[in-house]
Amino acid sequence: MRLNTRHFFNITVVALLFFSARISANEERLYAEEPPAGSAFVRIFNSSQVAVLRDATISNKLFGKLAGNSSSPYLFFSPGEKTFSYDDNVSKIQIKGDEHYTLVVIDGLPSELIKDGAFRSKRKARVSLYNLVTKGSPLTLRTADGKTALLSDVKFLKSDSRNLNALRIPLAVYSGGDKIAEIGTISFERGKATSVFVGGAMENPVIKVISTAM
């Protein structure tokens, strides 16, 4: 059986157009995931020890289910006012371009948007302390022996951060001169941000340490 040359040519052209369209669509999906210049970055931290956040969304971007005392990854957004919702709760947040934020949910309180410190040095590590201890006093992050303060007097629903060299060191959380919790040894790596979340109550604080490549 002889194959018509013109018919073969037409089939080939159609096939090439089809696969070119698929490749183009795949490329568009790939590049659509790249954050545009000037984007804002937001993550959600669920400070509850037991409650699970369900269907947490910010302006139609779904973060999904978030267990107690855990954090979502950062997602990117265009700057401006956004709607945050989870379960039956709805609130508004305002975010700026080229900034990172942590949106904190605490039982019995309105959600709080905390601006994270800038981190643009790949040659340094960063540590941040978040004070989410209800009815507590300002917190200080120190070496476990209490001799060196890394971050001092962080108030409730606030955070502070600093850059430091790569190192491995045991840390603890203090309130005034009192050590309220041991964290253990943390390895700080270049190009990574380590967040220390302190929640719960002052007499029984709950620590969560999260490391993120930036």
Protein backbone atom coordinates (compact mmCIF):
# COMPACT_ATOMS: atom_id res chain seq x y z
CA MET A 1 0.00 0.00 0.00
CA ARG A 2 1.50 3.34 -1.06
CA LEU A 3 1.23 6.28 1.34
CA ASN A 4 0.18 9.54 -0.27
CA THR A 5 3.06 11.98 0.23
CA ARG A 6 0.81 14.98 0.60
CA HIS A 7 -1.38 13.16 3.11
CA PHE A 8 1.70 12.17 5.13
CA PHE A 9 2.93 15.78 5.08
CA ASN A 10 -0.42 17.07 6.38
CA ILE A 11 -0.45 14.52 9.21
CA THR A 12 3.10 15.47 10.19
CA VAL A 13 2.29 19.20 10.27
CA VAL A 14 -0.82 18.61 12.43
CA ALA A 15 1.17 16.45 14.83
CA LEU A 16 3.92 19.04 15.14
CA LEU A 17 1.40 21.82 15.77
CA PHE A 18 -0.32 19.70 18.43
CA PHE A 19 2.86 18.91 20.34
CA SER A 20 4.14 22.49 19.98
CA ALA A 21 0.91 23.72 21.55
CA ARG A 22 1.28 21.26 24.43
CA ILE A 23 4.89 22.29 25.03
CA SER A 24 3.88 25.96 24.96
CA ALA A 25 1.07 25.31 27.46
CA ASN A 26 3.43 23.40 29.74
CA GLU A 27 5.96 26.22 29.57
CA GLU A 28 3.25 28.75 30.46
CA ARG A 29 2.24 26.66 33.49
CA LEU A 30 5.88 26.34 34.51
CA TYR A 31 6.66 30.04 34.26
CA ALA A 32 3.33 30.99 35.85
CA GLU A 33 4.69 29.50 39.08
CA GLU A 34 7.61 31.94 39.10
CA PRO A 35 6.82 34.92 41.37
CA PRO A 36 6.70 38.16 39.38
CA ALA A 37 8.99 40.99 40.40
CA GLY A 38 7.56 42.97 43.29
CA SER A 39 5.55 40.07 44.73
CA ALA A 40 4.67 39.75 48.42
CA PHE A 41 5.20 36.45 50.22
CA VAL A 42 2.90 35.17 52.96
CA ARG A 43 2.86 32.03 55.09
CA ILE A 44 0.35 30.98 57.77
CA PHE A 45 1.30 29.77 61.24
CA ASN A 46 -1.37 27.95 63.24
CA SER A 47 -0.50 28.64 66.88
CA SER A 48 -3.30 26.45 68.24
CA GLN A 49 -2.07 23.29 69.93
CA VAL A 50 -5.10 21.23 68.97
CA ALA A 51 -7.31 22.97 66.40
CA VAL A 52 -6.75 22.29 62.71
CA LEU A 53 -7.20 25.08 60.17
CA ARG A 54 -9.31 23.82 57.29
CA ASP A 55 -9.50 25.33 53.81
CA ALA A 56 -7.26 28.27 54.73
CA THR A 57 -7.14 30.65 51.76
CA ILE A 58 -5.79 34.08 50.92
CA SER A 59 -7.58 35.62 47.95
CA ASN A 60 -8.45 32.26 46.41
CA LYS A 61 -5.00 30.72 46.92
CA LEU A 62 -5.58 27.57 48.93
CA PHE A 63 -3.13 26.75 51.74
CA GLY A 64 -5.19 23.68 52.63
CA LYS A 65 -5.38 21.95 56.00
CA LEU A 66 -2.91 23.18 58.61
CA ALA A 67 -2.33 21.20 61.80
CA GLY A 68 -1.85 22.84 65.18
CA ASN A 69 1.56 24.38 65.93
CA SER A 70 2.65 24.21 62.29
CA SER A 71 3.44 26.52 59.40
CA SER A 72 2.58 26.57 55.72
CA PRO A 73 5.22 27.36 53.08
CA TYR A 74 5.37 30.89 51.70
CA LEU A 75 3.09 31.62 48.75
CA PHE A 76 3.46 34.70 46.56
CA PHE A 77 0.83 37.38 45.93
CA SER A 78 0.49 40.69 44.19
CA PRO A 79 0.66 43.63 46.64
CA GLY A 80 -2.50 45.15 48.07
CA GLU A 81 -5.50 44.19 50.17
CA LYS A 82 -6.26 40.47 50.40
CA THR A 83 -9.01 38.40 52.01
CA PHE A 84 -7.94 35.72 54.50
CA SER A 85 -10.41 32.99 55.34
CA TYR A 86 -10.45 29.69 57.20
CA ASP A 87 -13.34 27.68 58.64
CA ASP A 88 -16.01 30.38 59.22
CA ASN A 89 -13.56 33.25 59.77
CA VAL A 90 -12.93 36.05 57.25
CA SER A 91 -10.60 39.05 57.61
CA LYS A 92 -8.66 41.53 55.47
CA ILE A 93 -4.87 41.93 55.29
CA GLN A 94 -2.71 44.53 53.54
CA ILE A 95 0.61 43.39 52.05
CA LYS A 96 3.43 45.20 50.25
CA GLY A 97 5.65 44.07 47.42
CA ASP A 98 9.12 42.62 48.08
CA GLU A 99 8.17 41.76 51.67
CA HIS A 100 7.70 38.51 53.58
CA TYR A 101 4.91 38.04 56.13
CA THR A 102 3.75 35.46 58.66
CA LEU A 103 0.01 35.39 59.26
CA VAL A 104 -0.54 34.03 62.77
CA VAL A 105 -3.76 32.37 63.95
CA ILE A 106 -4.21 32.13 67.74
CA ASP A 107 -7.21 30.63 69.57
CA GLY A 108 -9.64 33.30 70.74
CA LEU A 109 -7.84 36.22 69.08
CA PRO A 110 -8.02 37.91 65.68
CA SER A 111 -5.40 36.72 63.20
CA GLU A 112 -2.25 38.84 63.22
CA LEU A 113 -0.07 39.70 60.21
CA ILE A 114 3.60 39.92 61.25
CA LYS A 115 6.15 41.41 58.89
CA ASP A 116 9.25 39.23 58.66
CA GLY A 117 12.69 40.76 58.65
CA ALA A 118 14.44 41.22 55.31
CA PHE A 119 16.94 38.51 54.38
CA ARG A 120 18.91 38.87 51.17
CA SER A 121 22.36 37.56 52.08
CA LYS A 122 23.09 34.04 50.86
CA ARG A 123 26.38 34.17 52.76
CA LYS A 124 24.66 34.47 56.13
CA ALA A 125 22.10 32.57 58.15
CA ARG A 126 19.10 34.24 59.77
CA VAL A 127 17.27 33.59 63.01
CA SER A 128 13.85 35.00 63.93
CA LEU A 129 11.94 34.85 67.22
CA TYR A 130 8.12 35.02 67.28
CA ASN A 131 6.42 35.69 70.63
CA LEU A 132 3.00 34.02 70.56
CA VAL A 133 2.76 33.34 74.31
CA THR A 134 -0.65 34.53 75.52
CA LYS A 135 -0.63 36.75 78.60
CA GLY A 136 3.14 36.62 78.64
CA SER A 137 5.98 39.09 78.91
CA PRO A 138 8.64 39.98 76.31
CA LEU A 139 10.91 37.09 75.33
CA THR A 140 14.63 36.86 74.67
CA LEU A 141 16.49 34.24 72.66
CA ARG A 142 19.80 33.37 74.31
CA THR A 143 22.49 30.75 74.21
CA ALA A 144 21.51 27.91 76.53
CA ASP A 145 24.01 29.06 79.17
CA GLY A 146 22.30 32.47 79.23
CA LYS A 147 25.50 34.38 78.48
CA THR A 148 24.70 35.72 74.99
CA ALA A 149 21.44 37.24 73.76
CA LEU A 150 20.69 36.76 70.08
CA LEU A 151 17.32 38.56 70.09
CA SER A 152 16.00 40.60 73.01
CA ASP A 153 12.66 41.78 74.43
CA VAL A 154 10.34 40.55 71.67
CA LYS A 155 6.81 41.55 72.65
CA PHE A 156 3.60 39.53 72.24
CA LEU A 157 2.53 39.09 68.59
CA LYS A 158 5.81 40.58 67.42
CA SER A 159 8.98 39.16 65.96
CA ASP A 160 12.60 40.15 65.63
CA SER A 161 15.40 38.75 63.51
CA ARG A 162 19.10 39.04 62.81
CA ASN A 163 21.68 37.64 60.43
CA LEU A 164 24.54 35.55 61.76
CA ASN A 165 27.34 33.31 60.60
CA ALA A 166 26.77 29.62 60.03
CA LEU A 167 27.17 27.79 63.34
CA ARG A 168 25.72 25.08 65.55
CA ILE A 169 24.68 26.16 69.04
CA PRO A 170 22.28 25.23 71.88
CA LEU A 171 19.62 27.88 72.56
CA ALA A 172 16.96 28.70 75.13
CA VAL A 173 14.12 31.17 75.56
CA TYR A 174 14.18 33.59 78.49
CA SER A 175 11.66 35.92 80.07
CA GLY A 176 13.65 38.53 81.91
CA GLY A 177 16.31 36.57 83.76
CA ASP A 178 14.28 33.35 83.85
CA LYS A 179 14.83 30.52 81.43
CA ILE A 180 11.36 29.33 80.40
CA ALA A 181 12.24 26.76 77.74
CA GLU A 182 15.19 24.86 76.32
CA ILE A 183 15.26 24.68 72.53
CA GLY A 184 18.20 22.35 72.06
CA THR A 185 20.98 22.63 69.53
CA ILE A 186 20.19 24.40 66.25
CA SER A 187 22.33 24.31 63.13
CA PHE A 188 22.29 27.64 61.31
CA GLU A 189 23.14 27.32 57.61
CA ARG A 190 24.09 29.93 55.05
CA GLY A 191 21.13 30.99 52.91
CA LYS A 192 18.56 29.59 55.34
CA ALA A 193 16.20 31.36 57.73
CA THR A 194 15.40 29.66 61.04
CA SER A 195 12.15 30.73 62.73
CA VAL A 196 11.63 30.04 66.44
CA PHE A 197 7.93 30.22 67.34
CA VAL A 198 7.12 30.33 71.06
CA GLY A 199 3.43 29.72 71.85
CA GLY A 200 1.25 28.29 74.57
CA ALA A 201 1.37 29.76 78.08
CA MET A 202 4.29 31.20 80.00
CA GLU A 203 4.22 28.35 82.52
CA ASN A 204 4.12 25.76 79.72
CA PRO A 205 5.52 27.24 76.50
CA VAL A 206 5.47 25.31 73.22
CA ILE A 207 8.40 25.69 70.84
CA LYS A 208 8.35 25.18 67.09
CA VAL A 209 11.51 25.60 65.01
CA ILE A 210 11.21 25.89 61.21
CA SER A 211 14.08 26.24 58.75
CA THR A 212 13.40 27.74 55.30
CA ALA A 213 15.68 28.22 52.31
CA MET A 214 15.39 31.83 51.15
